[in-house]
Amino acid sequence: MLKVENLRAGYGKVDVLHGISLEVNAGECVALVGANGAGKSTTLKCICGINEIRAGTIEFEGQRIDGLPGHSIVRRGITMCPEGRQVFAEMSVLENLEMGAHTRSDNKQRSDLEEMMDMFPVLRARSRQSAGTLSGGEQEMLAIARALMSRPKLCIFDEPSLGLAPKIVEEVEQTIARIKAMGTTILLVEQNASMALRLSDRAYVFEAGEIVLHGTGRELQDHPEVSKAYLGY
């Protein structure tokens, strides 16, 4: 579904990505793990058209998408649940969800909205409330539901557990597993490497803008270097 080849990108004069290549197949959950600053989030931003690339190619369903603006990429079926939630704080929960469907022109938006309210009951209870007044966990659920409102083929998660209490992190993990079970393909960046590898079919380990390891989630959980560096045992 997604193919990234020899991707180079950076900020100003500094290169952050040094020719990475990765693939995501339909129906998979693929995780990117590594230390802060390793290039994981930059990779996601390049895929979503937020950051310009300096070299390499990005293909989605066999078509080049590198160089396309972000809204065109959303229309093709890629959406991101961004780091830090980034909900529209002054808008209501309902308005945030409606914004998630702003690129759609079909007549199923209302039924999808009801589905999101059923999936996340707290959003129904808070539907008229300003998004900025929600707790961190509630905002994460809103950000996930907003991303799903675009009916993505590929849903990208950037640090979904960041800053959340352990109990809420468990809920986020269960939610991502449920989304995968619904048939949505997932690309996940998550600082909680244990969670990322449990959820993933395959994973790539980033180090200083390069991919240094690749394997199944289970293989990398059992890899001694990964265990020592990211899993704490």
Protein backbone atom coordinates (compact mmCIF):
# COMPACT_ATOMS: atom_id res chain seq x y z
CA MET A 1 0.00 0.00 0.00
CA LEU A 2 2.78 2.44 0.97
CA LYS A 3 6.32 2.34 -0.37
CA VAL A 4 9.07 4.75 0.69
CA GLU A 5 12.39 4.50 -1.13
CA ASN A 6 15.70 6.24 -0.38
CA LEU A 7 13.96 9.10 1.41
CA ARG A 8 16.07 12.09 2.37
CA ALA A 9 14.67 15.09 4.23
CA GLY A 10 15.62 17.64 6.84
CA TYR A 11 15.28 21.15 8.18
CA GLY A 12 17.32 24.10 6.94
CA LYS A 13 20.78 22.84 6.07
CA VAL A 14 20.54 19.81 8.34
CA ASP A 15 19.64 16.38 6.96
CA VAL A 16 17.46 14.32 9.32
CA LEU A 17 16.69 11.33 7.09
CA HIS A 18 19.56 9.68 5.24
CA GLY A 19 17.98 7.50 2.57
CA ILE A 20 15.42 5.39 4.43
CA SER A 21 13.24 2.77 2.73
CA LEU A 22 10.18 1.06 4.16
CA GLU A 23 6.91 -0.58 3.13
CA VAL A 24 3.44 -0.94 4.62
CA ASN A 25 1.14 -3.64 3.25
CA ALA A 26 -2.64 -3.40 3.28
CA GLY A 27 -4.11 -4.50 6.61
CA GLU A 28 -0.83 -4.30 8.52
CA CYS A 29 0.15 -2.31 11.57
CA VAL A 30 3.74 -1.19 11.04
CA ALA A 31 5.61 0.58 13.84
CA LEU A 32 8.57 2.94 13.71
CA VAL A 33 10.58 2.87 16.94
CA GLY A 34 13.70 4.66 18.07
CA ALA A 35 15.00 7.44 20.26
CA ASN A 36 13.76 11.02 20.12
CA GLY A 37 15.27 12.82 17.13
CA ALA A 38 15.87 9.61 15.17
CA GLY A 39 13.68 10.79 12.27
CA LYS A 40 10.42 8.93 12.89
CA SER A 41 8.07 11.91 12.99
CA THR A 42 9.89 13.55 10.08
CA THR A 43 9.16 10.43 8.05
CA LEU A 44 5.46 10.70 8.86
CA LYS A 45 5.38 14.38 7.93
CA CYS A 46 7.00 13.63 4.59
CA ILE A 47 4.41 10.95 3.86
CA CYS A 48 1.59 13.38 4.72
CA GLY A 49 2.99 16.19 2.56
CA ILE A 50 3.85 18.43 5.53
CA ASN A 51 7.63 18.31 5.02
CA GLU A 52 9.32 18.55 1.65
CA ILE A 53 11.62 15.71 0.69
CA ARG A 54 15.12 16.24 -0.70
CA ALA A 55 15.45 12.93 -2.51
CA GLY A 56 13.70 9.62 -2.89
CA THR A 57 10.11 8.64 -3.64
CA ILE A 58 6.89 7.94 -1.77
CA GLU A 59 4.22 5.78 -3.43
CA PHE A 60 0.71 5.07 -2.20
CA GLU A 61 -1.28 2.34 -3.92
CA GLY A 62 1.21 2.42 -6.80
CA GLN A 63 1.04 6.18 -7.39
CA ARG A 64 3.68 8.78 -6.50
CA ILE A 65 2.48 11.16 -3.77
CA ASP A 66 5.72 12.94 -2.91
CA GLY A 67 5.33 16.58 -3.84
CA LEU A 68 1.54 16.58 -3.47
CA PRO A 69 -0.07 19.02 -1.00
CA GLY A 70 -1.43 17.58 2.22
CA HIS A 71 -5.11 17.92 1.32
CA SER A 72 -4.58 15.88 -1.85
CA ILE A 73 -2.91 13.15 0.16
CA VAL A 74 -5.86 13.06 2.59
CA ARG A 75 -8.23 12.68 -0.36
CA ARG A 76 -6.22 9.69 -1.56
CA GLY A 77 -6.83 7.95 1.76
CA ILE A 78 -4.05 8.86 4.20
CA THR A 79 -4.78 10.66 7.44
CA MET A 80 -2.74 11.42 10.56
CA CYS A 81 -3.56 11.52 14.24
CA PRO A 82 -0.86 14.06 15.16
CA GLU A 83 1.51 14.21 18.11
CA GLY A 84 0.04 16.26 20.93
CA ARG A 85 -3.54 15.71 19.72
CA GLN A 86 -3.82 19.20 18.15
CA VAL A 87 -7.58 19.41 18.50
CA PHE A 88 -9.31 22.68 17.59
CA ALA A 89 -9.57 23.91 21.16
CA GLU A 90 -12.21 26.62 20.66
CA MET A 91 -14.46 24.40 18.57
CA SER A 92 -16.87 21.86 20.02
CA VAL A 93 -16.21 18.14 20.01
CA LEU A 94 -18.87 17.75 17.32
CA GLU A 95 -17.30 20.46 15.15
CA ASN A 96 -13.89 18.78 15.49
CA LEU A 97 -15.36 15.51 14.25
CA GLU A 98 -17.06 17.26 11.34
CA MET A 99 -13.72 18.84 10.41
CA GLY A 100 -12.29 15.33 10.07
CA ALA A 101 -14.68 14.74 7.16
CA HIS A 102 -14.13 18.07 5.40
CA THR A 103 -12.61 16.43 2.28
CA ARG A 104 -15.56 14.06 1.84
CA SER A 105 -18.58 14.65 -0.40
CA ASP A 106 -20.52 11.42 0.20
CA ASN A 107 -23.77 11.07 2.13
CA LYS A 108 -22.49 8.76 4.87
CA GLN A 109 -20.90 11.35 7.12
CA ARG A 110 -23.79 11.39 9.58
CA SER A 111 -23.75 7.60 10.03
CA ASP A 112 -19.97 7.66 10.47
CA LEU A 113 -20.36 10.39 13.08
CA GLU A 114 -22.78 8.17 14.99
CA GLU A 115 -20.32 5.29 14.69
CA MET A 116 -17.58 7.43 16.25
CA MET A 117 -19.90 8.45 19.08
CA ASP A 118 -20.67 4.78 19.70
CA MET A 119 -16.99 3.86 19.57
CA PHE A 120 -16.05 6.68 21.95
CA PRO A 121 -19.07 7.28 24.26
CA VAL A 122 -17.30 10.12 26.07
CA LEU A 123 -17.41 12.13 22.85
CA ARG A 124 -21.19 11.82 22.69
CA ALA A 125 -21.46 13.01 26.29
CA ARG A 126 -19.15 15.96 25.54
CA SER A 127 -20.33 16.68 22.00
CA ARG A 128 -21.26 20.33 22.68
CA GLN A 129 -18.29 20.98 24.91
CA SER A 130 -15.24 22.92 23.69
CA ALA A 131 -12.49 20.49 22.78
CA GLY A 132 -9.93 22.48 24.75
CA THR A 133 -11.75 21.69 28.01
CA LEU A 134 -11.35 17.90 27.60
CA SER A 135 -8.76 15.90 29.52
CA GLY A 136 -5.65 14.70 27.69
CA GLY A 137 -7.09 11.22 27.27
CA GLU A 138 -10.40 12.56 25.99
CA GLN A 139 -8.58 14.80 23.51
CA GLU A 140 -6.62 11.78 22.25
CA MET A 141 -9.85 9.89 21.66
CA LEU A 142 -11.22 12.93 19.83
CA ALA A 143 -8.09 13.18 17.68
CA ILE A 144 -8.38 9.49 16.77
CA ALA A 145 -12.09 9.78 15.96
CA ARG A 146 -11.46 12.93 13.91
CA ALA A 147 -8.83 11.07 11.87
CA LEU A 148 -11.21 8.16 11.28
CA MET A 149 -13.93 10.53 10.04
CA SER A 150 -12.02 10.87 6.78
CA ARG A 151 -12.46 7.12 6.20
CA PRO A 152 -8.73 6.55 5.72
CA LYS A 153 -7.19 3.57 4.01
CA LEU A 154 -3.98 4.29 5.95
CA CYS A 155 -4.19 5.87 9.40
CA ILE A 156 -0.95 7.29 10.78
CA PHE A 157 -0.47 7.72 14.53
CA ASP A 158 2.29 9.98 15.86
CA GLU A 159 2.99 9.36 19.57
CA PRO A 160 -0.62 8.62 20.61
CA SER A 161 0.30 7.82 24.23
CA LEU A 162 2.45 10.91 24.79
CA GLY A 163 1.75 12.56 28.16
CA LEU A 164 -1.10 10.24 29.12
CA ALA A 165 -1.64 8.34 32.37
CA PRO A 166 -0.89 4.58 32.27
CA LYS A 167 -4.59 3.63 32.42
CA ILE A 168 -5.34 5.88 29.43
CA VAL A 169 -2.34 4.48 27.55
CA GLU A 170 -3.93 1.03 27.88
CA GLU A 171 -7.16 2.40 26.42
CA VAL A 172 -5.28 3.95 23.50
CA GLU A 173 -3.54 0.64 22.80
CA GLN A 174 -6.87 -1.20 22.84
CA THR A 175 -8.37 1.43 20.53
CA ILE A 176 -5.58 1.11 17.96
CA ALA A 177 -5.93 -2.69 18.05
CA ARG A 178 -9.67 -2.29 17.44
CA ILE A 179 -9.06 0.04 14.49
CA LYS A 180 -6.69 -2.51 12.93
CA ALA A 181 -9.31 -5.24 13.46
CA MET A 182 -11.76 -3.05 11.51
CA GLY A 183 -9.45 -3.39 8.50
CA THR A 184 -7.68 -0.04 8.57
CA THR A 185 -3.96 -0.12 7.77
CA ILE A 186 -1.84 1.57 10.44
CA LEU A 187 1.57 3.24 10.53
CA LEU A 188 2.52 3.92 14.14
CA VAL A 189 5.22 6.04 15.76
CA GLU A 190 5.22 5.45 19.49
CA GLN A 191 7.84 6.21 22.15
CA ASN A 192 6.40 3.36 24.25
CA ALA A 193 8.29 0.68 22.35
CA SER A 194 6.67 -2.20 24.24
CA MET A 195 3.23 -1.01 23.18
CA ALA A 196 4.35 -0.36 19.60
CA LEU A 197 5.87 -3.82 19.17
CA ARG A 198 2.85 -5.55 20.73
CA LEU A 199 0.55 -3.83 18.24
CA SER A 200 2.72 -4.17 15.16
CA ASP A 201 2.92 -6.91 12.56
CA ARG A 202 6.30 -5.50 11.53
CA ALA A 203 8.52 -2.72 12.80
CA TYR A 204 11.50 -0.62 11.75
CA VAL A 205 14.09 0.63 14.24
CA PHE A 206 15.40 4.13 13.51
CA GLU A 207 18.75 5.46 14.63
CA ALA A 208 20.11 8.89 13.61
CA GLY A 209 17.97 9.10 10.48
CA GLU A 210 18.66 5.56 9.30
CA ILE A 211 16.85 2.24 9.64
CA VAL A 212 19.14 -0.14 11.52
CA LEU A 213 16.78 -3.08 12.16
CA HIS A 214 13.61 -4.47 10.62
CA GLY A 215 11.49 -7.45 11.56
CA THR A 216 8.22 -8.62 13.01
CA GLY A 217 7.03 -7.10 16.25
CA ARG A 218 7.78 -10.36 18.06
CA GLU A 219 11.26 -10.68 16.54
CA LEU A 220 12.20 -7.20 17.63
CA GLN A 221 10.75 -7.70 21.12
CA ASP A 222 13.15 -10.65 21.46
CA HIS A 223 16.13 -8.89 19.86
CA PRO A 224 18.79 -8.25 22.53
CA GLU A 225 19.76 -4.78 21.27
CA VAL A 226 16.15 -3.64 21.07
CA SER A 227 15.39 -5.11 24.49
CA LYS A 228 18.31 -3.31 26.09
CA ALA A 229 17.86 0.05 24.34
CA TYR A 230 14.08 0.43 24.25
CA LEU A 231 12.36 -2.18 26.40
CA GLY A 232 14.39 -1.92 29.59
CA TYR A 233 15.41 -5.57 29.98
